[in-house]
Amino acid sequence: MAQTKSDNTGVRKGFVEAGGGLLHYVRCGQGPAVVMLHASPCSAKVMAPIQAAWSGEFTTFAFDLPGFGMSDLPQADDITIELLADVIAEGMDALGISQAALYGRHTGASVCLALALQRPDLVSMMLTDGLPVFATPYSEDRLKKYLKPITPSGDGMHLPWTFFRYRDQHMFWPWDAADIDHRSDADLPDEHFLHRGAVEMLEAAETYVPVYKSAFLYDTLSRIGGVSCPAYYGNRPGDSQFKTIQHYPETADIRVMPRDPAEAELAELELIRKHPAEGAVPDWTSRIGTGGDNRDYIATRHGVVYAIGANLGAEGLPQLLLPDMPGGIDLHKAQIIAASETRPVIAVDPGGVGNSDIDGVATVDRWCEQIDDILKHLGWDRVEVIANGLSGALASEFAERAGDRVDSLLLRSPALLNEEERAGFIANPAPEATPRADGGHLLPVWHHLRDQELWWPWFDTSHEAVRTNPPRISAATLNKRAVAMLKQAHHYRPVWAELISRDVAAQIAALPQPVRIETDPSDIFHIPAARNLTAAAA
């Protein structure tokens, strides 16, 4: 198995080792390299529109800052802007980016400044958007009030709180000063933007404070004079930093950008064009397939798929592990480790699930094609498929299509519903989780996850339907699952509908491959799975 190169012009994602952990990035386009660093408290996803706008001329690398998105937080006593810049530089070196133009917003702008000072050899130019400038330094007490911890609560109310916390950041500056004197004159972003930001805050709940705090403690103005590369300091009306222009030194090349985002992207592009980076841009390659244990993405005909490989260099029949959809494989890490003790394992998030995006509708047909591409990438001619919960429907369909390429199936509590049960689930679909401007889509997902632990089926709340096993409803457990689901909120109900409508029992009965079924009382579909096991034993 070898690293696989792929078309470099579309959206590609990956991880690189840096800072003692993994640094996550999204790349797009073709041409000289541009490194893009986002504001706090979000991730590289916020850069997607500008990456698309510049993709015809530049190869953009949008990194998740350490501690945000899918990038690990460095194991350090003190998280500083200088440290974050070192990690980004290490990531650039590891990827083979010999030079890049730097573009950063807010916290990302501060990291760009530090990177230009610490590693000028990597930088052809720098363009900041709203470089943090604080005329009056923030005290420790003020920072504690501003950077409130996000603590999961059993009733799920931390979800709408986080949504409105992120929403208010675009209405007031600072966000916790909700009065006319601190009212923003910016447009309020749409519900999809707000949902993305809220989920990113939830994802970084345990790490966002030290990274965000570092931007408040980094003195940018005193460092501007030390930058040796061409540098432009952009600010735009409506931004919280627009009023700080007056504090810049006279030598700073300040550019007032248009208020309209699309117009600003074009104005920024004109500046990037002036000083393109030199040197070849490295090809995108997947680290999955190189042996050992790693996390990365695999390119498929329906987009890149997030994957975890474990013990990939081992002998024995390989195993393909599918998550309990619509949840992702990050919820199954213990299972992946256990399965990989003696044989290689590849665990994947099908498109529209977990950390794998997909354009358009997520369907079993498209997922089967993705699995086919994944096995070809790995060079695996024959596998055992391990599927959890609802993904048993996908596993059985793929086994039927793949024939002898699937050696056997191990299904953990598949949805072996009878006709009446299946009709009940179809009549009572999973909640609609498409983002709403008022954040009202969040709590229904929380209660759906919680109620599944309390009743079977979840929509029958009578005393006869009470589940007798200890429910997994701690705030921490439910929060981890909710965040995984909300990453693909608009696919939540459709994925449920796509899988729950299939007669899995009939399909596996017709398969030529051996099928093993395991179940545990804590599993959502334990009752029908156990019933089928009892019937088979009889």
Protein backbone atom coordinates (compact mmCIF):
# COMPACT_ATOMS: atom_id res chain seq x y z
CA MET A 1 0.00 0.00 0.00
CA ALA A 2 1.30 3.44 -0.88
CA GLN A 3 0.27 7.03 -0.52
CA THR A 4 -2.23 7.98 -3.18
CA LYS A 5 -1.95 11.19 -5.14
CA SER A 6 -5.13 12.78 -6.41
CA ASP A 7 -6.47 15.69 -8.39
CA ASN A 8 -5.27 18.78 -6.57
CA THR A 9 -7.73 21.36 -7.90
CA GLY A 10 -10.84 20.40 -5.90
CA VAL A 11 -11.35 20.49 -2.15
CA ARG A 12 -8.98 18.15 -0.36
CA LYS A 13 -8.46 17.74 3.38
CA GLY A 14 -5.72 16.24 5.46
CA PHE A 15 -3.66 16.04 8.61
CA VAL A 16 0.03 16.66 9.14
CA GLU A 17 2.11 16.02 12.24
CA ALA A 18 3.06 19.28 13.95
CA GLY A 19 3.32 20.60 17.48
CA GLY A 20 3.35 17.13 18.97
CA GLY A 21 -0.06 16.31 17.49
CA LEU A 22 -2.03 16.50 14.26
CA LEU A 23 -2.68 19.72 12.38
CA HIS A 24 -5.77 19.68 10.15
CA TYR A 25 -6.05 21.58 6.88
CA VAL A 26 -8.31 22.10 3.87
CA ARG A 27 -6.70 22.76 0.50
CA CYS A 28 -8.31 23.99 -2.69
CA GLY A 29 -7.33 25.28 -6.11
CA GLN A 30 -4.17 25.48 -8.16
CA GLY A 31 -1.28 27.90 -8.41
CA PRO A 32 1.10 29.45 -5.86
CA ALA A 33 0.49 28.60 -2.21
CA VAL A 34 -1.60 30.77 0.11
CA VAL A 35 -1.83 29.83 3.79
CA MET A 36 -5.08 30.96 5.42
CA LEU A 37 -5.64 31.23 9.18
CA HIS A 38 -9.09 31.78 10.66
CA ALA A 39 -10.46 33.88 13.49
CA SER A 40 -11.49 32.59 16.91
CA PRO A 41 -13.67 30.81 17.93
CA CYS A 42 -14.25 28.89 14.68
CA SER A 43 -12.24 26.74 12.25
CA ALA A 44 -10.92 26.61 8.70
CA LYS A 45 -14.47 25.95 7.46
CA VAL A 46 -15.14 29.69 7.64
CA MET A 47 -12.56 30.17 4.87
CA ALA A 48 -14.45 27.98 2.36
CA PRO A 49 -16.04 30.86 0.38
CA ILE A 50 -12.78 32.70 -0.11
CA GLN A 51 -10.95 29.47 -0.92
CA ALA A 52 -13.46 28.87 -3.69
CA ALA A 53 -13.14 32.45 -4.95
CA TRP A 54 -9.34 32.25 -5.20
CA SER A 55 -9.08 28.64 -6.38
CA GLY A 56 -8.57 29.53 -10.03
CA GLU A 57 -5.25 31.27 -9.32
CA PHE A 58 -3.89 29.95 -6.03
CA THR A 59 -3.61 26.77 -4.00
CA THR A 60 -5.05 27.72 -0.64
CA PHE A 61 -4.22 25.85 2.54
CA ALA A 62 -6.69 26.76 5.30
CA PHE A 63 -5.44 25.37 8.60
CA ASP A 64 -7.49 24.72 11.70
CA LEU A 65 -5.56 26.63 14.35
CA PRO A 66 -4.31 24.28 17.07
CA GLY A 67 -7.16 23.66 19.51
CA PHE A 68 -9.86 24.45 16.96
CA GLY A 69 -11.64 22.27 14.44
CA MET A 70 -9.78 18.99 14.11
CA SER A 71 -6.31 20.27 15.06
CA ASP A 72 -4.80 19.10 18.33
CA LEU A 73 -3.91 21.61 21.03
CA PRO A 74 -0.17 21.58 21.81
CA GLN A 75 0.75 20.07 25.16
CA ALA A 76 2.20 23.25 26.64
CA ASP A 77 1.74 25.09 29.90
CA ASP A 78 1.20 28.39 28.09
CA ILE A 79 -0.53 28.73 24.71
CA THR A 80 0.82 31.82 22.94
CA ILE A 81 0.53 33.29 19.48
CA GLU A 82 4.23 32.58 18.99
CA LEU A 83 3.66 28.90 19.79
CA LEU A 84 0.72 28.70 17.38
CA ALA A 85 2.90 30.25 14.66
CA ASP A 86 5.60 27.65 15.32
CA VAL A 87 3.05 24.85 14.88
CA ILE A 88 1.79 26.30 11.58
CA ALA A 89 5.38 26.67 10.35
CA GLU A 90 6.11 23.07 11.32
CA GLY A 91 3.02 21.99 9.41
CA MET A 92 4.10 23.93 6.32
CA ASP A 93 7.54 22.34 6.47
CA ALA A 94 6.04 18.87 6.85
CA LEU A 95 3.73 19.39 3.87
CA GLY A 96 6.59 20.69 1.73
CA ILE A 97 5.28 24.25 1.39
CA SER A 98 8.55 26.13 0.88
CA GLN A 99 6.88 29.54 0.68
CA ALA A 100 3.35 30.95 0.84
CA ALA A 101 1.44 34.18 0.95
CA LEU A 102 -0.19 34.55 4.37
CA TYR A 103 -3.80 35.58 4.89
CA GLY A 104 -5.30 35.75 8.37
CA ARG A 105 -8.38 37.04 10.16
CA HIS A 106 -8.40 38.27 13.76
CA THR A 107 -6.61 35.56 15.80
CA GLY A 108 -5.35 34.09 12.55
CA ALA A 109 -4.01 37.52 11.60
CA SER A 110 -1.96 37.63 14.79
CA VAL A 111 -0.56 34.18 14.02
CA CYS A 112 0.33 35.37 10.51
CA LEU A 113 2.20 38.31 12.00
CA ALA A 114 4.15 36.05 14.35
CA LEU A 115 4.88 33.61 11.53
CA ALA A 116 6.20 36.40 9.30
CA LEU A 117 8.51 37.49 12.12
CA GLN A 118 9.68 34.03 13.18
CA ARG A 119 9.98 32.31 9.79
CA PRO A 120 10.38 35.00 7.10
CA ASP A 121 11.79 32.34 4.75
CA LEU A 122 8.30 30.81 4.50
CA VAL A 123 6.50 34.05 3.66
CA SER A 124 6.19 35.91 0.33
CA MET A 125 3.74 38.48 1.71
CA MET A 126 1.17 38.98 4.45
CA LEU A 127 -2.39 40.27 4.34
CA THR A 128 -4.35 40.59 7.56
CA ASP A 129 -8.07 41.13 7.95
CA GLY A 130 -8.87 42.79 11.27
CA LEU A 131 -5.55 42.33 13.07
CA PRO A 132 -6.41 42.38 16.80
CA VAL A 133 -5.51 45.74 18.33
CA PHE A 134 -6.48 46.56 21.91
CA ALA A 135 -5.87 50.13 23.05
CA THR A 136 -6.58 49.02 26.61
CA PRO A 137 -5.18 45.59 27.52
CA TYR A 138 -7.67 43.02 28.80
CA SER A 139 -7.21 42.11 32.46
CA GLU A 140 -7.31 38.49 33.62
CA ASP A 141 -10.65 39.17 35.29
CA ARG A 142 -12.09 40.63 32.10
CA LEU A 143 -10.83 37.69 30.04
CA LYS A 144 -12.47 35.22 32.41
CA LYS A 145 -15.80 36.98 31.93
CA TYR A 146 -15.40 37.21 28.16
CA LEU A 147 -14.14 33.65 27.62
CA LYS A 148 -16.91 31.80 29.41
CA PRO A 149 -16.49 28.03 29.61
CA ILE A 150 -18.89 25.84 27.66
CA THR A 151 -20.13 23.17 30.06
CA PRO A 152 -22.55 20.49 28.82
CA SER A 153 -25.80 20.36 30.77
CA GLY A 154 -28.18 17.44 31.07
CA ASP A 155 -31.08 19.42 29.63
CA GLY A 156 -29.06 20.37 26.55
CA MET A 157 -29.47 24.10 27.14
CA HIS A 158 -25.78 24.69 26.51
CA LEU A 159 -26.53 24.11 22.82
CA PRO A 160 -28.80 27.15 22.29
CA TRP A 161 -26.63 29.15 24.72
CA THR A 162 -23.60 28.54 22.49
CA PHE A 163 -25.62 29.39 19.38
CA PHE A 164 -26.70 32.72 20.82
CA ARG A 165 -23.24 33.36 22.25
CA TYR A 166 -21.84 33.06 18.72
CA ARG A 167 -24.76 35.03 17.28
CA ASP A 168 -24.27 37.91 19.71
CA GLN A 169 -20.61 38.14 18.73
CA HIS A 170 -21.87 39.44 15.38
CA MET A 171 -24.33 41.85 17.00
CA PHE A 172 -22.27 43.38 19.80
CA TRP A 173 -18.59 43.96 20.49
CA PRO A 174 -17.72 42.61 22.88
CA TRP A 175 -20.43 39.99 22.73
CA ASP A 176 -21.25 40.23 26.43
CA ALA A 177 -21.91 43.99 26.30
CA ALA A 178 -25.42 43.91 24.84
CA ASP A 179 -26.22 47.61 24.80
CA ILE A 180 -26.53 50.37 22.22
CA ASP A 181 -23.00 51.63 22.83
CA HIS A 182 -21.54 48.30 21.76
CA ARG A 183 -23.93 47.53 18.90
CA SER A 184 -22.29 46.27 15.73
CA ASP A 185 -23.10 47.85 12.38
CA ALA A 186 -22.46 44.59 10.51
CA ASP A 187 -24.98 42.35 8.77
CA LEU A 188 -26.07 39.38 10.87
CA PRO A 189 -24.84 36.18 9.16
CA ASP A 190 -27.39 33.62 7.99
CA GLU A 191 -28.45 30.57 9.96
CA HIS A 192 -25.96 28.24 8.27
CA PHE A 193 -23.04 30.50 9.19
CA LEU A 194 -24.26 30.76 12.77
CA HIS A 195 -24.81 27.02 13.05
CA ARG A 196 -21.33 26.28 11.74
CA GLY A 197 -19.76 28.66 14.24
CA ALA A 198 -21.78 27.34 17.17
CA VAL A 199 -20.86 23.73 16.40
CA GLU A 200 -17.20 24.72 16.08
CA MET A 201 -17.36 26.33 19.51
CA LEU A 202 -18.94 23.18 20.93
CA GLU A 203 -16.29 21.07 19.23
CA ALA A 204 -13.55 23.18 20.84
CA ALA A 205 -15.31 23.59 24.20
CA GLU A 206 -12.35 22.20 26.16
CA THR A 207 -9.63 23.99 24.18
CA TYR A 208 -10.96 27.28 22.81
CA VAL A 209 -10.22 29.43 25.86
CA PRO A 210 -6.38 29.33 25.86
CA VAL A 211 -6.14 29.81 22.09
CA TYR A 212 -8.63 32.68 21.99
CA LYS A 213 -7.00 34.23 25.05
CA SER A 214 -3.61 34.29 23.33
CA ALA A 215 -4.90 36.82 20.79
CA PHE A 216 -5.82 39.27 23.55
CA LEU A 217 -2.36 39.01 25.10
CA TYR A 218 -0.30 39.43 21.93
CA ASP A 219 0.87 43.00 21.34
CA THR A 220 0.54 43.37 17.58
CA LEU A 221 1.29 47.07 17.08
CA SER A 222 4.77 46.95 18.61
CA ARG A 223 5.70 44.09 16.27
CA ILE A 224 4.51 45.47 12.94
CA GLY A 225 7.78 47.29 12.29
CA GLY A 226 9.76 44.05 12.39
CA VAL A 227 8.01 42.48 9.40
CA SER A 228 10.38 42.24 6.43
CA CYS A 229 8.02 40.92 3.76
CA PRO A 230 5.42 43.03 1.92
CA ALA A 231 2.57 43.44 4.42
CA TYR A 232 -0.94 44.86 4.11
CA TYR A 233 -3.26 45.49 7.03
CA GLY A 234 -6.85 45.20 5.89
CA ASN A 235 -9.86 46.44 7.82
CA ARG A 236 -13.45 46.68 6.71
CA PRO A 237 -16.51 48.61 7.90
CA GLY A 238 -18.66 46.56 10.23
CA ASP A 239 -15.71 44.65 11.67
CA SER A 240 -14.99 44.91 15.38
CA GLN A 241 -11.42 46.01 14.61
CA PHE A 242 -12.31 48.69 12.05
CA LYS A 243 -12.13 51.49 14.61
CA THR A 244 -8.54 50.54 15.53
CA ILE A 245 -7.06 51.90 12.30
CA GLN A 246 -6.13 55.12 14.08
CA HIS A 247 -3.73 53.23 16.35
CA TYR A 248 -1.54 51.75 13.60
CA PRO A 249 1.96 53.17 13.08
CA GLU A 250 2.37 55.48 10.10
CA THR A 251 4.58 52.94 8.35
CA ALA A 252 1.80 50.33 8.22
CA ASP A 253 0.20 49.86 4.80
CA ILE A 254 -3.47 50.01 5.84
CA ARG A 255 -6.13 49.00 3.33
CA VAL A 256 -9.81 49.75 3.92
CA MET A 257 -11.68 46.90 2.29
CA PRO A 258 -15.24 46.96 0.95
CA ARG A 259 -18.00 46.08 3.38
CA ASP A 260 -19.46 43.55 0.94
CA PRO A 261 -17.68 40.18 1.44
CA ALA A 262 -17.56 39.32 -2.27
CA GLU A 263 -16.10 42.70 -3.15
CA ALA A 264 -13.62 42.40 -0.29
CA GLU A 265 -12.48 39.00 -1.58
CA LEU A 266 -11.67 40.56 -4.95
CA ALA A 267 -9.82 43.48 -3.37
CA GLU A 268 -7.80 41.08 -1.23
CA LEU A 269 -7.09 38.91 -4.25
CA GLU A 270 -5.57 41.90 -6.04
CA LEU A 271 -3.08 42.28 -3.19
CA ILE A 272 -2.26 38.56 -3.07
CA ARG A 273 -1.50 38.68 -6.80
CA LYS A 274 1.21 41.27 -6.22
CA HIS A 275 3.54 38.93 -4.34
CA PRO A 276 2.89 35.28 -5.26
CA ALA A 277 4.86 32.64 -3.43
CA GLU A 278 7.73 30.91 -5.16
CA GLY A 279 8.42 27.21 -5.26
CA ALA A 280 6.39 24.19 -6.24
CA VAL A 281 3.18 23.35 -4.42
CA PRO A 282 3.21 19.79 -3.07
CA ASP A 283 0.71 17.26 -4.38
CA TRP A 284 -2.09 16.19 -2.09
CA THR A 285 -1.61 12.68 -0.76
CA SER A 286 -3.55 10.56 1.69
CA ARG A 287 -1.62 9.23 4.68
CA ILE A 288 -4.09 6.35 4.92
CA GLY A 289 -2.55 3.23 3.44
CA THR A 290 1.03 3.82 4.53
CA GLY A 291 0.79 1.29 7.37
CA GLY A 292 0.40 1.63 11.10
CA ASP A 293 -2.17 3.89 12.74
CA ASN A 294 -3.23 7.21 11.27
CA ARG A 295 -6.12 9.58 10.58
CA ASP A 296 -6.66 11.24 7.24
CA TYR A 297 -8.96 11.42 4.24
CA ILE A 298 -9.41 9.18 1.22
CA ALA A 299 -10.55 10.62 -2.12
CA THR A 300 -13.70 9.08 -3.61
CA ARG A 301 -15.89 9.91 -6.58
CA HIS A 302 -18.27 11.66 -4.15
CA GLY A 303 -15.70 13.71 -2.24
CA VAL A 304 -13.06 13.04 0.37
CA VAL A 305 -13.98 10.69 3.19
CA TYR A 306 -12.65 10.91 6.75
CA ALA A 307 -10.97 7.70 7.82
CA ILE A 308 -9.11 6.18 10.76
CA GLY A 309 -6.63 3.44 9.96
CA ALA A 310 -5.40 1.07 12.67
CA ASN A 311 -2.73 -1.63 12.43
CA LEU A 312 -2.82 -1.28 8.65
CA GLY A 313 0.42 -3.15 8.16
CA ALA A 314 -0.82 -6.28 9.92
CA GLU A 315 -1.48 -9.63 8.29
CA GLY A 316 -4.92 -11.18 8.19
CA LEU A 317 -8.29 -10.39 6.68
CA PRO A 318 -8.80 -6.60 6.69
CA GLN A 319 -11.83 -5.10 8.42
CA LEU A 320 -13.99 -2.21 7.23
CA LEU A 321 -15.77 -0.54 10.15
CA LEU A 322 -18.87 1.61 9.68
CA PRO A 323 -20.20 3.89 12.45
CA ASP A 324 -23.70 3.90 13.88
CA MET A 325 -24.99 6.41 11.35
CA PRO A 326 -25.67 9.29 11.39
CA GLY A 327 -22.96 9.40 14.05
CA GLY A 328 -19.29 9.29 13.06
CA ILE A 329 -16.32 7.02 13.65
CA ASP A 330 -14.85 9.33 16.29
CA LEU A 331 -17.55 7.87 18.56
CA HIS A 332 -16.13 4.37 17.98
CA LYS A 333 -12.44 4.79 18.79
CA ALA A 334 -12.42 2.11 21.50
CA GLN A 335 -14.08 -0.35 19.13
CA ILE A 336 -11.55 0.47 16.40
CA ILE A 337 -8.64 -0.17 18.76
CA ALA A 338 -10.11 -3.48 19.93
CA ALA A 339 -10.79 -4.69 16.39
CA SER A 340 -7.25 -3.81 15.27
CA GLU A 341 -5.43 -5.93 17.86
CA THR A 342 -4.81 -8.74 15.39
CA ARG A 343 -5.97 -7.46 12.00
CA PRO A 344 -5.94 -4.22 10.00
CA VAL A 345 -8.96 -1.92 10.31
CA ILE A 346 -10.16 1.01 8.25
CA ALA A 347 -13.04 2.97 9.78
CA VAL A 348 -14.79 5.56 7.62
CA ASP A 349 -17.43 8.26 7.82
CA PRO A 350 -19.58 7.89 4.68
CA GLY A 351 -20.44 11.17 2.96
CA GLY A 352 -22.88 13.31 4.93
CA VAL A 353 -21.89 11.64 8.21
CA GLY A 354 -19.49 12.87 10.88
CA ASN A 355 -16.47 14.54 9.29
CA SER A 356 -17.24 13.61 5.68
CA ASP A 357 -19.06 16.14 3.53
CA ILE A 358 -20.98 15.26 0.39
CA ASP A 359 -22.53 17.38 -2.33
CA GLY A 360 -26.22 16.75 -2.76
CA VAL A 361 -28.17 13.89 -1.24
CA ALA A 362 -26.50 11.16 0.81
CA THR A 363 -27.77 7.78 -0.41
CA VAL A 364 -26.90 4.11 -0.03
CA ASP A 365 -25.94 4.02 -3.71
CA ARG A 366 -23.39 6.80 -3.28
CA TRP A 367 -22.07 5.33 -0.03
CA CYS A 368 -21.51 1.96 -1.72
CA GLU A 369 -19.54 3.70 -4.46
CA GLN A 370 -17.46 5.48 -1.82
CA ILE A 371 -16.69 2.19 -0.07
CA ASP A 372 -15.67 0.69 -3.40
CA ASP A 373 -13.25 3.59 -3.96
CA ILE A 374 -11.85 3.24 -0.43
CA LEU A 375 -11.09 -0.46 -0.87
CA LYS A 376 -9.43 0.23 -4.22
CA HIS A 377 -7.29 2.93 -2.59
CA LEU A 378 -6.13 0.45 0.03
CA GLY A 379 -5.66 -2.38 -2.45
CA TRP A 380 -7.94 -4.65 -0.44
CA ASP A 381 -9.60 -7.38 -2.52
CA ARG A 382 -11.55 -8.97 0.33
CA VAL A 383 -12.76 -7.64 3.68
CA GLU A 384 -14.93 -8.33 6.68
CA VAL A 385 -17.46 -5.55 7.20
CA ILE A 386 -18.23 -4.46 10.77
CA ALA A 387 -21.31 -2.27 11.00
CA ASN A 388 -22.95 -0.58 13.95
CA GLY A 389 -26.66 0.13 14.34
CA LEU A 390 -28.26 1.74 11.33
CA SER A 391 -25.18 1.21 9.16
CA GLY A 392 -26.13 -2.47 9.04
CA ALA A 393 -28.42 -1.50 6.17
CA LEU A 394 -25.47 -0.06 4.25
CA ALA A 395 -23.25 -3.04 5.05
CA SER A 396 -25.78 -5.57 3.81
CA GLU A 397 -26.40 -3.61 0.61
CA PHE A 398 -22.68 -3.33 -0.10
CA ALA A 399 -22.20 -7.04 0.58
CA GLU A 400 -24.92 -7.88 -1.93
CA ARG A 401 -23.27 -5.72 -4.59
CA ALA A 402 -19.67 -6.63 -3.82
CA GLY A 403 -20.10 -10.39 -3.89
CA ASP A 404 -16.99 -12.31 -2.86
CA ARG A 405 -15.09 -9.08 -2.08
CA VAL A 406 -16.99 -9.18 1.22
CA ASP A 407 -15.87 -12.25 3.16
CA SER A 408 -18.31 -11.85 6.05
CA LEU A 409 -20.32 -9.36 8.08
CA LEU A 410 -20.38 -8.56 11.78
CA LEU A 411 -23.43 -6.46 12.60
CA ARG A 412 -23.66 -4.80 16.00
CA SER A 413 -27.38 -4.36 16.86
CA PRO A 414 -28.66 -3.73 13.33
CA ALA A 415 -32.16 -2.33 12.87
CA LEU A 416 -33.86 -5.70 12.26
CA LEU A 417 -37.33 -4.20 12.29
CA ASN A 418 -40.49 -6.04 11.41
CA GLU A 419 -42.95 -4.44 9.02
CA GLU A 420 -45.00 -2.79 11.77
CA GLU A 421 -41.93 -1.35 13.51
CA ARG A 422 -40.49 -0.05 10.26
CA ALA A 423 -43.79 1.66 9.45
CA GLY A 424 -43.74 3.27 12.89
CA PHE A 425 -40.27 4.73 12.37
CA ILE A 426 -41.21 6.00 8.92
CA ALA A 427 -44.33 7.66 10.35
CA ASN A 428 -42.26 9.18 13.18
CA PRO A 429 -39.10 10.42 11.46
CA ALA A 430 -36.00 11.78 13.14
CA PRO A 431 -36.26 15.51 13.86
CA GLU A 432 -35.47 18.03 11.17
CA ALA A 433 -32.06 19.47 12.06
CA THR A 434 -31.55 21.89 9.19
CA PRO A 435 -30.22 25.10 10.81
CA ARG A 436 -32.72 27.75 11.85
CA ALA A 437 -32.02 31.40 12.50
CA ASP A 438 -33.38 31.11 16.04
CA GLY A 439 -31.30 28.03 16.88
CA GLY A 440 -34.49 26.02 17.37
CA HIS A 441 -33.08 23.02 15.51
CA LEU A 442 -30.59 22.11 18.25
CA LEU A 443 -32.66 20.87 21.18
CA PRO A 444 -34.78 18.46 19.09
CA VAL A 445 -31.60 16.57 18.19
CA TRP A 446 -30.57 16.48 21.86
CA HIS A 447 -33.94 15.11 22.93
CA HIS A 448 -33.98 12.63 20.07
CA LEU A 449 -30.65 11.20 21.22
CA ARG A 450 -31.77 11.20 24.85
CA ASP A 451 -35.20 9.70 24.24
CA GLN A 452 -33.67 6.82 22.29
CA GLU A 453 -31.97 5.83 25.53
CA LEU A 454 -35.21 5.98 27.51
CA TRP A 455 -37.89 4.35 25.33
CA TRP A 456 -38.18 1.73 22.63
CA PRO A 457 -39.15 2.93 20.16
CA TRP A 458 -38.12 6.46 21.06
CA PHE A 459 -41.42 8.01 19.90
CA ASP A 460 -43.56 5.75 22.13
CA THR A 461 -43.33 7.48 25.51
CA SER A 462 -45.77 5.18 27.30
CA HIS A 463 -44.75 3.32 30.43
CA GLU A 464 -44.86 0.04 28.50
CA ALA A 465 -42.09 1.32 26.22
CA VAL A 466 -39.63 2.26 28.98
CA ARG A 467 -36.22 0.68 28.41
CA THR A 468 -34.92 -1.29 31.38
CA ASN A 469 -31.17 -0.90 30.80
CA PRO A 470 -29.19 1.93 32.46
CA PRO A 471 -29.50 4.88 30.06
CA ARG A 472 -26.40 6.57 28.65
CA ILE A 473 -27.65 10.09 29.27
CA SER A 474 -24.85 11.88 31.09
CA ALA A 475 -24.36 15.42 29.82
CA ALA A 476 -20.85 14.62 28.59
CA THR A 477 -21.92 11.50 26.68
CA LEU A 478 -24.93 13.11 25.02
CA ASN A 479 -22.92 16.22 24.15
CA LYS A 480 -20.24 14.19 22.39
CA ARG A 481 -22.89 12.43 20.32
CA ALA A 482 -24.84 15.62 19.62
CA VAL A 483 -21.80 17.48 18.32
CA ALA A 484 -20.98 14.55 16.02
CA MET A 485 -24.53 14.62 14.61
CA LEU A 486 -24.73 18.41 14.30
CA LYS A 487 -21.64 18.57 12.11
CA GLN A 488 -23.92 17.27 9.35
CA ALA A 489 -27.17 18.72 10.65
CA HIS A 490 -28.93 19.00 7.29
CA HIS A 491 -28.25 15.29 6.66
CA TYR A 492 -29.51 14.12 10.06
CA ARG A 493 -33.10 13.32 9.14
CA PRO A 494 -32.36 12.19 5.54
CA VAL A 495 -29.69 9.69 6.67
CA TRP A 496 -32.10 8.23 9.22
CA ALA A 497 -34.82 7.99 6.58
CA GLU A 498 -32.51 6.41 4.01
CA LEU A 499 -31.46 3.63 6.35
CA ILE A 500 -34.50 2.99 8.57
CA SER A 501 -36.77 2.28 5.59
CA ARG A 502 -34.79 -0.80 4.50
CA ASP A 503 -35.75 -4.37 5.36
CA VAL A 504 -32.36 -5.37 6.72
CA ALA A 505 -33.54 -8.74 8.05
CA ALA A 506 -34.72 -9.83 4.62
CA GLN A 507 -31.58 -8.58 2.93
CA ILE A 508 -29.11 -10.35 5.21
CA ALA A 509 -31.17 -13.54 4.99
CA ALA A 510 -30.55 -13.54 1.24
CA LEU A 511 -26.81 -12.88 1.45
CA PRO A 512 -24.40 -15.69 0.55
CA GLN A 513 -21.81 -14.40 3.03
CA PRO A 514 -21.78 -15.44 6.69
CA VAL A 515 -23.45 -12.85 8.94
CA ARG A 516 -22.84 -12.61 12.69
CA ILE A 517 -25.06 -10.46 14.88
CA GLU A 518 -23.98 -9.13 18.25
CA THR A 519 -26.02 -6.98 20.57
CA ASP A 520 -25.90 -5.32 23.94
CA PRO A 521 -28.81 -4.04 26.05
CA SER A 522 -27.42 -0.50 25.79
CA ASP A 523 -27.66 -0.44 21.98
CA ILE A 524 -30.53 1.52 20.45
CA PHE A 525 -31.75 -1.40 18.32
CA HIS A 526 -31.02 -4.09 20.91
CA ILE A 527 -34.64 -5.24 21.23
CA PRO A 528 -35.21 -6.21 17.56
CA ALA A 529 -31.64 -7.55 17.26
CA ALA A 530 -32.07 -9.76 20.34
CA ARG A 531 -35.46 -10.93 19.10
CA ASN A 532 -33.92 -12.08 15.83
CA LEU A 533 -31.08 -13.83 17.63
CA THR A 534 -33.59 -15.69 19.78
CA ALA A 535 -35.60 -16.71 16.73
CA ALA A 536 -32.46 -17.91 14.95
CA ALA A 537 -31.39 -19.97 17.96
CA ALA A 538 -34.78 -21.62 18.10
